[in-house]
Amino acid sequence: MPRSIICNPLNLDYKYQELSTGDIQNVIFRESADPTVVLFNNSYLLFSSMTGGIWWSDDLVTWEFVERSELPIYDYAPDVRELNGYIYFSASSNLNTCSLFRSKDPINEPFEEVTELFPFWDPHLFCDDDGSVYLYWGCSNKEPIYGIQLDNESFQPVSEKISLIKADTENHGWERTGVNNDPNWFEDEYSKMVADHVGTAPFIEGAFMNKYEGKYYLQYAAPATERNTYADGVYIGEGPLGPFTYCSHSPFSSKPGGFITGAGHGSTFKDKVGNWWHAATMRIGINHTMERRIGIFPAGFDQDGILFCNQNFADYPFEIPSYKKDPQCINPKFMLLSHNKPVHASSETDNFPALNVTNEDIRSIWVANTNNPGENVYVDLGELMKVSAIQVNFSDFQIPFVKRIESEYFRNQHSKRFINMDSGNIRYYLEGSTNLKDWEMIVDKSETDLSLCNDFILMDTEKEFRYIRLTCLKMPYNQKFSVSDIRIFGTGNGKYPEEVSPTLRLDVNNSIIISWENQSSAEGYNVRYGIEPGKLYNSWLIYDQSSITLNGLNKGQKYYVAVDAFNENGITYGKVHSVNE
């Protein structure tokens, strides 16, 4: 089995933060978001919010962590850019002057402060081919994204700031807030309360710039990080400060459905062999709004210069190619075998049943009654199946808040927080069986020092099992054992599902209602759509339903749609239809 296979969300040791807002909220949760990935000195460096350091990798598969306490690790949206043999770093603060840091060897040597700039949020530094340097910033539902030119030695502004990107919900449906881009649809009372307080205007944020064949691609995120529709769009310009034209294929990065949703506020980078990738923020948002993870997706520029991502089955295992490959040809390496399969647990807590372990929703969990070593849960695949990989997704459940001495906290106006670099590990073992009597060890992590909450286990060779059992031994903070999903991947024993023929109907606000006859042989459907029949660059993966309304469309564009049916055996691709056929 090739070792270059990954599965989103990335298999990282996500750090816990302990956040207190006084009497309002005291909560502990994992967070990593707003990723910037760069290839520097033949290593990939991944910087993200509330991490406390750097993840680095030689291959985009296996990552190691280095703490960097000299940096402003409590400032959100860290940005890095290579410039003259250095990695330059900045992060966000609206209240204080932001500084620029640099290092020639970020993995082994500390950063040094270069200069002070000015207060900003969601910064991004860009260096053009002629050596000129530009800064972009902005994160607001009232203000635009700005750009400015900096002196390439002192890094002080040498031009006036320019307004570059503003919200346009009238024409860009994907920028609208609310569940599925419906501003009137809230997931819970808390979301409605927030909307009542800050309004329903989208946050326009997370600028990132790439230059490709003489064009400037200014990327941005909307509508909000807590939404399943968090995505990245792009404007294309003739220069670093414009003028820019909106790309109607936007959003170029979006993942509104599937096991884990969201693909906004990210960075686009080229790997060692010339393939493009997009790293972005993925949402959980149960223990706290900012409970998030990182995903990496195949990306590219087509023959017409359109920036796009391949996010079909984006939370299924796929291979990182060792050669230049068309991103549209990077497909799932294995299919999901465990969706809605029976589950049996040693115990379960009210409202958090074991059946959640196979429902393909990272936001619903199983919670054991205790934190005693030996609590376990197993999945019954129903028959012997060829298993190739398993993703074990641990969750967090009502972690008692830890009171620390005040000097350990970072404080701002409304809260104090602590990033815990040593929260403890996740210890468990995973077994397979053909008969519920004889168990074979798949992986033994009973002595690991890591805390991998989205642990992806790739087997050396595929093996036939009917039952997969997870036995929990230890969790961080000694909390009760909780798991969102045990996702089992491999090869089914049956046939592909029948082809789907959808019906398309225009609805209000430029929305499209898509429906089809449910296929008994299908486990789910992948709805692909776009503004050209050969460029269905957006997709929405769904389970347990046979219709969907697309609200996040661009006004005045004709859309084309295909609905692919899939099951444990593979994908049956649907024909392309237009809305007025």
Protein backbone atom coordinates (compact mmCIF):
# COMPACT_ATOMS: atom_id res chain seq x y z
CA MET A 1 0.00 0.00 0.00
CA PRO A 2 1.54 3.39 -0.95
CA ARG A 3 2.34 5.48 2.12
CA SER A 4 1.44 8.74 0.35
CA ILE A 5 -2.30 8.52 1.10
CA ILE A 6 -3.97 11.10 3.35
CA CYS A 7 -7.51 11.80 4.53
CA ASN A 8 -9.04 15.12 5.55
CA PRO A 9 -9.09 16.55 8.11
CA LEU A 10 -5.32 16.32 8.30
CA ASN A 11 -3.87 13.90 10.83
CA LEU A 12 -2.29 16.51 13.14
CA ASP A 13 -1.74 16.83 16.87
CA TYR A 14 -4.21 19.73 17.13
CA LYS A 15 -3.59 21.81 20.23
CA TYR A 16 -6.11 22.55 22.97
CA GLN A 17 -6.83 26.04 24.14
CA GLU A 18 -8.39 26.90 27.45
CA LEU A 19 -10.59 29.95 26.92
CA SER A 20 -12.29 32.01 29.60
CA THR A 21 -14.67 34.91 29.10
CA GLY A 22 -15.46 35.25 32.80
CA ASP A 23 -19.00 34.39 33.77
CA ILE A 24 -20.09 33.93 30.16
CA GLN A 25 -18.01 30.95 29.07
CA ASN A 26 -15.17 28.76 30.26
CA VAL A 27 -14.36 26.09 27.71
CA ILE A 28 -11.56 23.81 26.49
CA PHE A 29 -11.43 22.80 22.84
CA ARG A 30 -9.04 22.11 19.98
CA GLU A 31 -8.53 24.69 17.29
CA SER A 32 -6.45 25.05 14.16
CA ALA A 33 -7.51 27.31 11.31
CA ASP A 34 -6.52 29.87 8.67
CA PRO A 35 -3.62 27.77 7.34
CA THR A 36 -0.70 29.10 5.34
CA VAL A 37 1.48 26.44 3.72
CA VAL A 38 4.79 27.24 2.01
CA LEU A 39 7.52 25.10 0.49
CA PHE A 40 10.81 26.36 1.93
CA ASN A 41 14.23 24.70 1.83
CA ASN A 42 12.58 21.53 0.51
CA SER A 43 10.20 21.25 3.48
CA TYR A 44 6.55 22.18 3.74
CA LEU A 45 5.79 24.59 6.59
CA LEU A 46 2.22 24.83 7.90
CA PHE A 47 1.28 27.80 10.09
CA SER A 48 -2.23 28.05 11.52
CA SER A 49 -4.17 29.91 14.20
CA MET A 50 -3.92 28.88 17.87
CA THR A 51 -1.23 26.29 17.24
CA GLY A 52 1.72 27.75 19.11
CA GLY A 53 4.25 26.82 16.46
CA ILE A 54 4.86 25.19 13.10
CA TRP A 55 4.02 21.85 11.56
CA TRP A 56 6.54 20.77 8.94
CA SER A 57 6.63 17.89 6.50
CA ASP A 58 8.79 16.44 3.73
CA ASP A 59 5.87 14.90 1.86
CA LEU A 60 2.50 16.49 2.91
CA VAL A 61 1.68 13.18 4.61
CA THR A 62 3.61 13.00 7.87
CA TRP A 63 3.90 16.17 9.95
CA GLU A 64 6.09 17.11 12.90
CA PHE A 65 5.56 20.00 15.29
CA VAL A 66 7.98 22.69 16.46
CA GLU A 67 6.97 25.16 19.16
CA ARG A 68 7.69 28.83 18.41
CA SER A 69 6.91 30.78 21.57
CA GLU A 70 8.84 33.87 20.38
CA LEU A 71 6.06 34.54 17.86
CA PRO A 72 2.69 36.16 18.72
CA ILE A 73 1.04 32.74 18.91
CA TYR A 74 -2.22 34.12 20.32
CA ASP A 75 -2.80 36.36 17.31
CA TYR A 76 -5.11 34.83 14.72
CA ALA A 77 -4.48 34.11 11.03
CA PRO A 78 -0.68 33.78 10.87
CA ASP A 79 0.72 34.53 7.42
CA VAL A 80 4.11 33.55 6.04
CA ARG A 81 5.93 34.29 2.81
CA GLU A 82 9.41 33.48 1.52
CA LEU A 83 11.41 36.60 0.69
CA ASN A 84 15.15 36.82 -0.04
CA GLY A 85 15.96 33.54 1.67
CA TYR A 86 13.87 34.24 4.77
CA ILE A 87 10.43 33.20 5.93
CA TYR A 88 8.52 36.33 6.98
CA PHE A 89 5.73 35.99 9.52
CA SER A 90 2.89 38.27 10.62
CA ALA A 91 -0.41 37.76 12.45
CA SER A 92 -3.53 39.66 13.47
CA SER A 93 -4.26 42.37 16.00
CA ASN A 94 -6.76 45.19 15.58
CA LEU A 95 -5.85 46.76 18.92
CA ASN A 96 -2.05 46.70 18.86
CA THR A 97 0.65 47.42 16.31
CA CYS A 98 1.47 44.24 14.39
CA SER A 99 5.07 43.26 13.80
CA LEU A 100 6.90 41.44 11.05
CA PHE A 101 9.21 38.55 12.00
CA ARG A 102 11.65 36.49 9.97
CA SER A 103 13.81 33.37 10.14
CA LYS A 104 16.29 31.70 7.76
CA ASP A 105 15.59 28.29 9.30
CA PRO A 106 12.14 28.23 10.95
CA ILE A 107 12.38 24.57 11.92
CA ASN A 108 15.66 24.87 13.82
CA GLU A 109 16.12 28.56 14.61
CA PRO A 110 13.90 31.17 16.26
CA PHE A 111 12.29 34.11 14.49
CA GLU A 112 13.55 37.66 14.97
CA GLU A 113 11.42 40.79 14.89
CA VAL A 114 12.13 42.90 11.79
CA THR A 115 9.87 45.91 12.14
CA GLU A 116 6.56 47.20 13.43
CA LEU A 117 3.80 47.87 10.92
CA PHE A 118 0.29 48.92 12.03
CA PRO A 119 -2.84 47.23 13.44
CA PHE A 120 -4.53 44.84 11.01
CA TRP A 121 -6.44 41.54 10.86
CA ASP A 122 -5.89 38.58 8.51
CA PRO A 123 -2.66 39.84 6.93
CA HIS A 124 -1.01 38.50 3.81
CA LEU A 125 2.40 39.49 2.46
CA PHE A 126 3.10 39.13 -1.27
CA CYS A 127 6.35 39.65 -3.17
CA ASP A 128 6.11 40.21 -6.94
CA ASP A 129 8.67 39.03 -9.48
CA ASP A 130 10.32 42.46 -9.57
CA GLY A 131 10.90 42.43 -5.80
CA SER A 132 8.07 44.81 -4.94
CA VAL A 133 6.23 43.91 -1.74
CA TYR A 134 2.52 44.25 -0.95
CA LEU A 135 0.37 43.70 2.10
CA TYR A 136 -3.29 42.71 2.08
CA TRP A 137 -5.54 42.59 5.12
CA GLY A 138 -9.15 42.61 6.30
CA CYS A 139 -11.64 40.59 8.34
CA SER A 140 -14.96 42.35 8.79
CA ASN A 141 -18.64 42.38 7.91
CA LYS A 142 -18.38 46.15 7.47
CA GLU A 143 -14.92 46.90 6.05
CA PRO A 144 -13.39 45.60 2.78
CA ILE A 145 -10.13 43.81 2.17
CA TYR A 146 -7.40 46.39 1.68
CA GLY A 147 -4.08 46.37 -0.12
CA ILE A 148 -0.99 48.54 0.11
CA GLN A 149 2.54 48.59 -1.27
CA LEU A 150 5.44 48.35 1.19
CA ASP A 151 9.05 49.36 0.83
CA ASN A 152 10.96 46.17 0.05
CA GLU A 153 13.65 46.92 2.65
CA SER A 154 11.98 48.81 5.51
CA PHE A 155 8.54 47.22 4.90
CA GLN A 156 6.89 50.55 5.65
CA PRO A 157 3.96 51.71 3.47
CA VAL A 158 4.88 53.60 0.30
CA SER A 159 1.33 53.97 -1.06
CA GLU A 160 -2.13 54.71 0.19
CA LYS A 161 -4.29 51.74 1.14
CA ILE A 162 -6.76 50.66 -1.54
CA SER A 163 -10.13 49.01 -1.05
CA LEU A 164 -10.01 45.79 -3.09
CA ILE A 165 -12.84 43.38 -2.18
CA LYS A 166 -16.25 44.11 -0.67
CA ALA A 167 -19.19 41.84 0.01
CA ASP A 168 -21.72 41.52 -2.82
CA THR A 169 -24.44 39.17 -1.60
CA GLU A 170 -26.85 40.42 -4.24
CA ASN A 171 -24.71 38.86 -6.97
CA HIS A 172 -22.57 36.31 -5.10
CA GLY A 173 -24.94 33.89 -3.42
CA TRP A 174 -22.12 31.94 -1.74
CA GLU A 175 -21.22 35.03 0.31
CA ARG A 176 -24.60 34.93 2.09
CA THR A 177 -24.62 33.80 5.70
CA GLY A 178 -26.87 31.15 7.24
CA VAL A 179 -27.04 27.40 6.83
CA ASN A 180 -26.61 26.49 3.15
CA ASN A 181 -26.27 30.23 2.36
CA ASP A 182 -29.81 30.90 3.59
CA PRO A 183 -29.63 34.03 5.82
CA ASN A 184 -32.86 33.04 7.57
CA TRP A 185 -31.73 29.52 8.50
CA PHE A 186 -29.94 29.14 11.83
CA GLU A 187 -28.61 25.92 13.31
CA ASP A 188 -29.49 26.87 16.87
CA GLU A 189 -30.58 29.72 19.12
CA TYR A 190 -26.98 30.77 19.76
CA SER A 191 -26.40 31.29 16.02
CA LYS A 192 -29.56 33.36 15.80
CA MET A 193 -28.48 35.44 18.79
CA VAL A 194 -25.10 36.12 17.16
CA ALA A 195 -26.82 37.14 13.92
CA ASP A 196 -29.14 39.48 15.84
CA HIS A 197 -26.06 41.07 17.42
CA VAL A 198 -23.67 41.40 14.46
CA GLY A 199 -26.14 41.23 11.58
CA THR A 200 -26.31 38.88 8.61
CA ALA A 201 -23.71 40.63 6.46
CA PRO A 202 -20.87 38.24 5.62
CA PHE A 203 -17.35 38.51 6.91
CA ILE A 204 -14.98 39.17 4.00
CA GLU A 205 -11.57 37.98 5.16
CA GLY A 206 -8.48 35.83 4.68
CA ALA A 207 -6.75 37.41 1.67
CA PHE A 208 -4.16 35.36 -0.21
CA MET A 209 -2.35 36.16 -3.48
CA ASN A 210 -0.90 33.94 -6.20
CA LYS A 211 0.62 35.06 -9.47
CA TYR A 212 0.12 32.72 -12.40
CA GLU A 213 1.12 33.40 -16.01
CA GLY A 214 1.19 37.14 -15.47
CA LYS A 215 -2.21 37.34 -13.73
CA TYR A 216 -2.80 38.13 -10.05
CA TYR A 217 -5.24 35.91 -8.16
CA LEU A 218 -6.49 37.67 -5.02
CA GLN A 219 -8.33 35.08 -2.93
CA TYR A 220 -10.69 35.73 -0.03
CA ALA A 221 -13.03 33.90 2.34
CA ALA A 222 -16.75 34.30 3.13
CA PRO A 223 -19.32 34.22 4.66
CA ALA A 224 -18.25 33.05 8.16
CA THR A 225 -15.97 30.40 9.60
CA GLU A 226 -18.79 28.83 11.64
CA ARG A 227 -20.84 27.98 8.51
CA ASN A 228 -20.82 24.78 6.48
CA THR A 229 -20.56 27.03 3.42
CA TYR A 230 -17.32 28.75 4.47
CA ALA A 231 -15.45 29.03 1.19
CA ASP A 232 -12.81 30.89 -0.80
CA GLY A 233 -13.48 33.01 -3.88
CA VAL A 234 -11.09 34.84 -6.19
CA TYR A 235 -10.68 38.07 -8.11
CA ILE A 236 -8.22 38.18 -11.02
CA GLY A 237 -6.17 41.30 -11.73
CA GLU A 238 -3.61 42.85 -14.02
CA GLY A 239 -1.45 44.03 -11.12
CA PRO A 240 -0.92 43.39 -7.39
CA LEU A 241 -3.33 46.20 -6.50
CA GLY A 242 -5.69 45.66 -9.39
CA PRO A 243 -7.84 46.48 -11.10
CA PHE A 244 -9.49 43.16 -10.24
CA THR A 245 -12.37 41.32 -11.89
CA TYR A 246 -14.53 38.82 -10.03
CA CYS A 247 -14.16 35.24 -11.25
CA SER A 248 -17.66 33.87 -11.81
CA HIS A 249 -16.47 30.32 -11.11
CA SER A 250 -16.16 31.39 -7.46
CA PRO A 251 -16.07 29.97 -4.92
CA PHE A 252 -13.08 28.02 -6.15
CA SER A 253 -12.79 26.22 -2.78
CA SER A 254 -15.93 25.00 -1.01
CA LYS A 255 -17.03 21.91 0.88
CA PRO A 256 -20.58 22.38 2.19
CA GLY A 257 -21.40 18.67 2.66
CA GLY A 258 -19.96 15.35 3.72
CA PHE A 259 -18.39 14.18 6.97
CA ILE A 260 -16.75 17.53 7.74
CA THR A 261 -17.67 20.81 6.06
CA GLY A 262 -15.97 24.09 5.25
CA ALA A 263 -13.02 24.97 3.01
CA GLY A 264 -12.41 28.68 3.53
CA HIS A 265 -9.61 31.03 4.57
CA GLY A 266 -6.69 29.17 3.12
CA SER A 267 -3.58 29.33 0.98
CA THR A 268 -2.70 28.01 -2.47
CA PHE A 269 0.75 26.55 -3.02
CA LYS A 270 2.80 24.43 -5.41
CA ASP A 271 4.48 21.20 -4.27
CA LYS A 272 7.90 19.78 -5.11
CA VAL A 273 6.78 18.17 -8.38
CA GLY A 274 4.68 21.09 -9.63
CA ASN A 275 1.18 20.13 -8.41
CA TRP A 276 -0.98 22.86 -6.89
CA TRP A 277 -2.78 22.46 -3.55
CA HIS A 278 -5.15 24.53 -1.44
CA ALA A 279 -5.04 24.34 2.36
CA ALA A 280 -8.15 25.62 4.13
CA THR A 281 -10.19 25.74 7.34
CA MET A 282 -12.72 22.99 8.13
CA ARG A 283 -15.48 23.37 10.70
CA ILE A 284 -16.58 21.43 13.77
CA GLY A 285 -17.94 24.17 16.02
CA ILE A 286 -19.60 22.09 18.74
CA ASN A 287 -17.59 22.78 21.89
CA HIS A 288 -16.93 26.31 20.62
CA THR A 289 -17.56 28.27 17.42
CA MET A 290 -13.83 28.29 16.74
CA GLU A 291 -13.40 24.50 17.04
CA ARG A 292 -11.83 23.86 13.65
CA ARG A 293 -9.46 21.65 11.65
CA ILE A 294 -7.24 21.81 8.54
CA GLY A 295 -7.81 20.27 5.11
CA ILE A 296 -5.65 20.10 1.97
CA PHE A 297 -7.22 19.74 -1.48
CA PRO A 298 -5.92 19.24 -5.03
CA ALA A 299 -5.97 22.54 -6.93
CA GLY A 300 -4.90 23.98 -10.24
CA PHE A 301 -5.34 26.49 -13.04
CA ASP A 302 -7.17 25.26 -16.13
CA GLN A 303 -6.35 26.11 -19.75
CA ASP A 304 -8.33 29.35 -19.44
CA GLY A 305 -6.53 30.44 -16.29
CA ILE A 306 -9.42 29.57 -13.95
CA LEU A 307 -8.29 28.68 -10.41
CA PHE A 308 -10.17 25.66 -9.07
CA CYS A 309 -10.03 22.85 -6.51
CA ASN A 310 -11.02 19.23 -6.81
CA GLN A 311 -13.16 18.74 -3.70
CA ASN A 312 -15.16 15.76 -4.87
CA PHE A 313 -15.11 13.27 -1.97
CA ALA A 314 -12.69 15.63 -0.25
CA ASP A 315 -12.87 13.81 3.10
CA TYR A 316 -12.16 10.38 1.57
CA PRO A 317 -8.59 9.02 1.34
CA PHE A 318 -6.59 10.18 -1.68
CA GLU A 319 -3.00 9.89 -2.81
CA ILE A 320 -0.42 12.67 -2.93
CA PRO A 321 1.09 12.11 -6.39
CA SER A 322 4.86 11.80 -6.74
CA TYR A 323 4.63 13.18 -10.29
CA LYS A 324 2.80 15.99 -12.07
CA LYS A 325 -0.86 15.02 -12.26
CA ASP A 326 -4.12 16.62 -13.39
CA PRO A 327 -5.90 17.55 -10.11
CA GLN A 328 -9.22 16.49 -11.63
CA CYS A 329 -7.83 12.96 -11.84
CA ILE A 330 -7.06 12.69 -8.12
CA ASN A 331 -9.95 10.49 -7.04
CA PRO A 332 -10.83 8.59 -3.85
CA LYS A 333 -8.35 5.80 -3.24
CA PHE A 334 -10.96 3.74 -1.36
CA MET A 335 -14.70 3.91 -0.75
CA LEU A 336 -16.45 4.19 2.61
CA LEU A 337 -17.67 0.86 4.00
CA SER A 338 -19.07 1.94 7.37
CA HIS A 339 -21.87 4.42 6.65
CA ASN A 340 -24.86 3.73 8.92
CA LYS A 341 -23.56 0.26 9.79
CA PRO A 342 -24.63 -1.23 13.16
CA VAL A 343 -22.55 -0.22 16.19
CA HIS A 344 -22.20 -1.83 19.61
CA ALA A 345 -20.60 -0.11 22.60
CA SER A 346 -19.57 -1.05 26.12
CA SER A 347 -21.66 1.90 27.34
CA GLU A 348 -23.21 5.10 26.06
CA THR A 349 -24.39 8.40 27.49
CA ASP A 350 -27.93 9.72 26.98
CA ASN A 351 -28.23 11.79 23.79
CA PHE A 352 -24.81 10.58 22.59
CA PRO A 353 -25.49 7.04 21.33
CA ALA A 354 -23.08 4.63 19.73
CA LEU A 355 -24.91 4.78 16.38
CA ASN A 356 -23.38 8.25 15.85
CA VAL A 357 -20.08 6.49 15.19
CA THR A 358 -21.12 5.61 11.62
CA ASN A 359 -23.42 8.48 10.64
CA GLU A 360 -20.79 10.49 8.70
CA ASP A 361 -21.16 13.64 10.78
CA ILE A 362 -18.19 14.95 12.73
CA ARG A 363 -20.58 17.14 14.75
CA SER A 364 -22.41 14.22 16.39
CA ILE A 365 -20.63 11.91 18.82
CA TRP A 366 -20.70 8.78 20.95
CA VAL A 367 -19.82 9.31 24.60
CA ALA A 368 -19.01 6.42 26.94
CA ASN A 369 -20.29 6.50 30.50
CA THR A 370 -16.79 6.58 31.95
CA ASN A 371 -13.14 7.30 31.24
CA ASN A 372 -12.13 3.86 32.46
CA PRO A 373 -9.60 2.09 30.22
CA GLY A 374 -11.34 -0.64 28.26
CA GLU A 375 -14.45 1.25 27.15
CA ASN A 376 -14.95 0.09 23.58
CA VAL A 377 -17.11 0.31 20.52
CA TYR A 378 -17.23 -1.90 17.44
CA VAL A 379 -18.70 -1.56 13.95
CA ASP A 380 -20.38 -4.47 12.16
CA LEU A 381 -19.88 -4.18 8.39
CA GLY A 382 -22.52 -6.86 7.87
CA GLU A 383 -20.24 -9.16 5.89
CA LEU A 384 -16.56 -9.73 5.22
CA MET A 385 -15.12 -6.74 3.39
CA LYS A 386 -11.68 -5.75 2.15
CA VAL A 387 -10.48 -3.04 4.57
CA SER A 388 -7.60 -0.78 3.53
CA ALA A 389 -7.73 2.21 5.87
CA ILE A 390 -9.52 3.50 8.98
CA GLN A 391 -9.93 7.04 10.25
CA VAL A 392 -10.64 7.25 13.99
CA ASN A 393 -12.13 10.60 14.90
CA PHE A 394 -12.04 11.36 18.60
CA SER A 395 -14.11 14.18 20.01
CA ASP A 396 -14.17 16.20 23.24
CA PHE A 397 -17.01 16.23 25.73
CA GLN A 398 -17.57 18.66 28.59
CA ILE A 399 -13.95 18.94 29.68
CA PRO A 400 -13.87 20.48 33.18
CA PHE A 401 -12.22 23.89 33.01
CA VAL A 402 -8.70 24.16 34.40
CA LYS A 403 -7.84 27.14 36.58
CA ARG A 404 -4.26 28.31 36.06
CA ILE A 405 -2.17 31.02 37.63
CA GLU A 406 -2.95 34.34 35.94
CA SER A 407 0.55 34.78 34.51
CA GLU A 408 0.06 31.72 32.27
CA TYR A 409 -2.83 33.29 30.36
CA PHE A 410 -2.77 35.57 27.36
CA ARG A 411 -5.30 38.37 27.87
CA ASN A 412 -7.21 40.61 25.53
CA GLN A 413 -10.18 42.94 26.03
CA HIS A 414 -12.83 40.32 26.67
CA SER A 415 -11.11 37.02 27.44
CA LYS A 416 -8.05 35.14 28.52
CA ARG A 417 -6.69 31.99 26.95
CA PHE A 418 -3.96 29.39 27.27
CA ILE A 419 -2.67 27.11 24.49
CA ASN A 420 -1.84 23.79 26.09
CA MET A 421 1.25 22.21 24.53
CA ASP A 422 1.09 19.21 26.85
CA SER A 423 -2.56 18.25 27.29
CA GLY A 424 -1.93 14.53 27.36
CA ASN A 425 -2.26 11.87 24.72
CA ILE A 426 -4.92 9.72 23.09
CA ARG A 427 -4.17 6.05 23.70
CA TYR A 428 -6.16 3.24 22.17
CA TYR A 429 -5.92 0.13 20.08
CA LEU A 430 -7.83 -0.98 17.03
CA GLU A 431 -8.67 -4.57 16.14
CA GLY A 432 -10.40 -6.47 13.37
CA SER A 433 -12.32 -9.75 13.41
CA THR A 434 -14.16 -12.03 11.06
CA ASN A 435 -16.31 -13.68 13.72
CA LEU A 436 -16.43 -11.56 16.94
CA LYS A 437 -14.30 -14.20 18.69
CA ASP A 438 -10.84 -13.99 17.20
CA TRP A 439 -9.41 -10.46 17.11
CA GLU A 440 -6.37 -9.28 15.15
CA MET A 441 -4.47 -6.15 16.12
CA ILE A 442 -4.61 -3.48 13.41
CA VAL A 443 -2.80 -0.74 15.32
CA ASP A 444 -1.64 -0.51 18.93
CA LYS A 445 -1.32 3.02 20.25
CA SER A 446 -1.39 2.08 23.92
CA GLU A 447 1.95 3.81 24.55
CA THR A 448 1.86 6.72 22.12
CA ASP A 449 2.84 10.20 23.24
CA LEU A 450 0.73 11.85 20.53
CA SER A 451 -2.79 13.21 20.66
CA LEU A 452 -4.10 12.52 17.17
CA CYS A 453 -7.82 13.21 17.24
CA ASN A 454 -8.37 12.52 13.52
CA ASP A 455 -6.04 9.57 13.32
CA PHE A 456 -5.73 7.99 9.87
CA ILE A 457 -4.46 4.40 9.83
CA LEU A 458 -3.34 3.06 6.47
CA MET A 459 -2.96 -0.72 6.46
CA ASP A 460 0.09 -2.34 4.85
CA THR A 461 -2.18 -4.51 2.73
CA GLU A 462 -5.94 -4.75 2.48
CA LYS A 463 -7.43 -7.39 4.75
CA GLU A 464 -10.88 -8.93 5.09
CA PHE A 465 -12.78 -8.11 8.28
CA ARG A 466 -16.41 -7.92 9.27
CA TYR A 467 -15.93 -6.24 12.65
CA ILE A 468 -13.70 -3.32 13.63
CA ARG A 469 -13.30 -2.61 17.35
CA LEU A 470 -11.88 0.47 19.04
CA THR A 471 -10.76 0.10 22.65
CA CYS A 472 -10.08 3.37 24.46
CA LEU A 473 -7.35 3.64 27.09
CA LYS A 474 -6.72 7.32 27.77
CA MET A 475 -7.98 10.75 26.70
CA PRO A 476 -6.57 14.25 27.24
CA TYR A 477 -7.71 15.91 30.49
CA ASN A 478 -8.92 12.45 31.60
CA GLN A 479 -12.28 13.17 30.02
CA LYS A 480 -14.85 10.51 29.14
CA PHE A 481 -14.19 8.66 25.94
CA SER A 482 -15.94 10.28 22.99
CA VAL A 483 -15.76 9.50 19.29
CA SER A 484 -17.48 11.21 16.40
CA ASP A 485 -16.87 8.55 13.74
CA ILE A 486 -14.95 5.39 13.00
CA ARG A 487 -14.65 5.63 9.21
CA ILE A 488 -13.71 2.35 7.54
CA PHE A 489 -12.47 2.47 3.94
CA GLY A 490 -11.86 -0.26 1.43
CA THR A 491 -13.60 -2.22 -1.30
CA GLY A 492 -17.17 -3.47 -1.26
CA ASN A 493 -18.45 -6.79 -2.61
CA GLY A 494 -21.25 -5.62 -4.85
CA LYS A 495 -22.06 -3.53 -7.91
CA TYR A 496 -21.95 0.19 -8.55
CA PRO A 497 -25.29 2.01 -8.04
CA GLU A 498 -27.62 2.89 -10.88
CA GLU A 499 -27.18 6.20 -12.71
CA VAL A 500 -29.17 9.16 -11.40
CA SER A 501 -31.18 11.50 -13.64
CA PRO A 502 -31.96 14.71 -11.72
CA THR A 503 -34.69 17.29 -12.16
CA LEU A 504 -33.57 20.92 -11.94
CA ARG A 505 -35.81 23.89 -11.11
CA LEU A 506 -35.01 27.56 -10.59
CA ASP A 507 -36.11 29.01 -7.26
CA VAL A 508 -36.05 32.46 -5.65
CA ASN A 509 -32.79 34.43 -5.27
CA ASN A 510 -31.14 32.58 -8.15
CA SER A 511 -31.31 29.26 -6.29
CA ILE A 512 -31.65 25.88 -7.98
CA ILE A 513 -33.63 22.98 -6.53
CA ILE A 514 -32.21 19.62 -7.60
CA SER A 515 -34.11 16.39 -6.97
CA TRP A 516 -33.87 12.80 -8.13
CA GLU A 517 -35.32 9.38 -7.49
CA ASN A 518 -33.59 7.74 -4.56
CA GLN A 519 -31.48 4.72 -5.54
CA SER A 520 -31.70 1.82 -3.09
CA SER A 521 -28.23 0.73 -4.17
CA ALA A 522 -26.68 4.14 -3.42
CA GLU A 523 -25.13 5.18 -0.09
CA GLY A 524 -25.05 8.83 -1.11
CA TYR A 525 -24.74 11.35 -3.89
CA ASN A 526 -22.16 13.85 -5.04
CA VAL A 527 -23.73 16.88 -6.70
CA ARG A 528 -21.29 18.61 -9.05
CA TYR A 529 -22.08 21.99 -10.53
CA GLY A 530 -20.52 24.91 -12.39
CA ILE A 531 -21.06 27.57 -15.04
CA GLU A 532 -19.63 25.54 -17.95
CA PRO A 533 -20.52 21.93 -18.78
CA GLY A 534 -16.86 20.90 -18.76
CA LYS A 535 -16.02 22.84 -15.61
CA LEU A 536 -18.18 21.55 -12.78
CA TYR A 537 -15.69 22.84 -10.22
CA ASN A 538 -18.09 22.93 -7.24
CA SER A 539 -19.50 19.90 -5.46
CA TRP A 540 -21.74 18.96 -2.53
CA LEU A 541 -21.61 15.45 -1.06
CA ILE A 542 -24.77 14.31 0.71
CA TYR A 543 -26.13 11.24 2.47
CA ASP A 544 -29.68 10.13 3.29
CA GLN A 545 -31.51 12.58 1.01
CA SER A 546 -32.52 12.83 -2.63
CA SER A 547 -32.78 16.57 -3.14
CA ILE A 548 -30.81 19.70 -2.43
CA THR A 549 -31.20 23.46 -2.93
CA LEU A 550 -28.17 25.36 -4.16
CA ASN A 551 -28.35 28.89 -2.75
CA GLY A 552 -24.72 29.84 -3.18
CA LEU A 553 -24.77 30.67 -6.89
CA ASN A 554 -23.67 33.71 -8.86
CA LYS A 555 -26.39 35.92 -10.28
CA GLY A 556 -26.78 36.02 -14.04
CA GLN A 557 -24.92 32.75 -14.65
CA LYS A 558 -26.29 29.65 -16.28
CA TYR A 559 -25.44 26.56 -14.23
CA TYR A 560 -24.79 22.98 -15.20
CA VAL A 561 -25.30 20.06 -12.80
CA ALA A 562 -24.44 16.37 -12.58
CA VAL A 563 -25.48 14.04 -9.76
CA ASP A 564 -23.17 11.07 -9.13
CA ALA A 565 -24.44 8.09 -7.14
CA PHE A 566 -21.96 6.16 -5.02
CA ASN A 567 -21.77 3.24 -2.64
CA GLU A 568 -19.16 0.93 -1.12
CA ASN A 569 -18.17 -0.34 -4.55
CA GLY A 570 -17.59 2.87 -6.45
CA ILE A 571 -19.03 5.93 -8.18
CA THR A 572 -21.53 6.05 -11.04
CA TYR A 573 -21.06 9.40 -12.73
CA GLY A 574 -24.18 11.21 -13.86
CA LYS A 575 -24.75 13.09 -17.09
CA VAL A 576 -24.49 16.88 -17.16
CA HIS A 577 -27.77 18.80 -17.21
CA SER A 578 -28.54 22.52 -17.46
CA VAL A 579 -31.20 24.21 -15.40
CA ASN A 580 -33.50 25.02 -18.32
CA GLU A 581 -33.41 21.60 -20.00
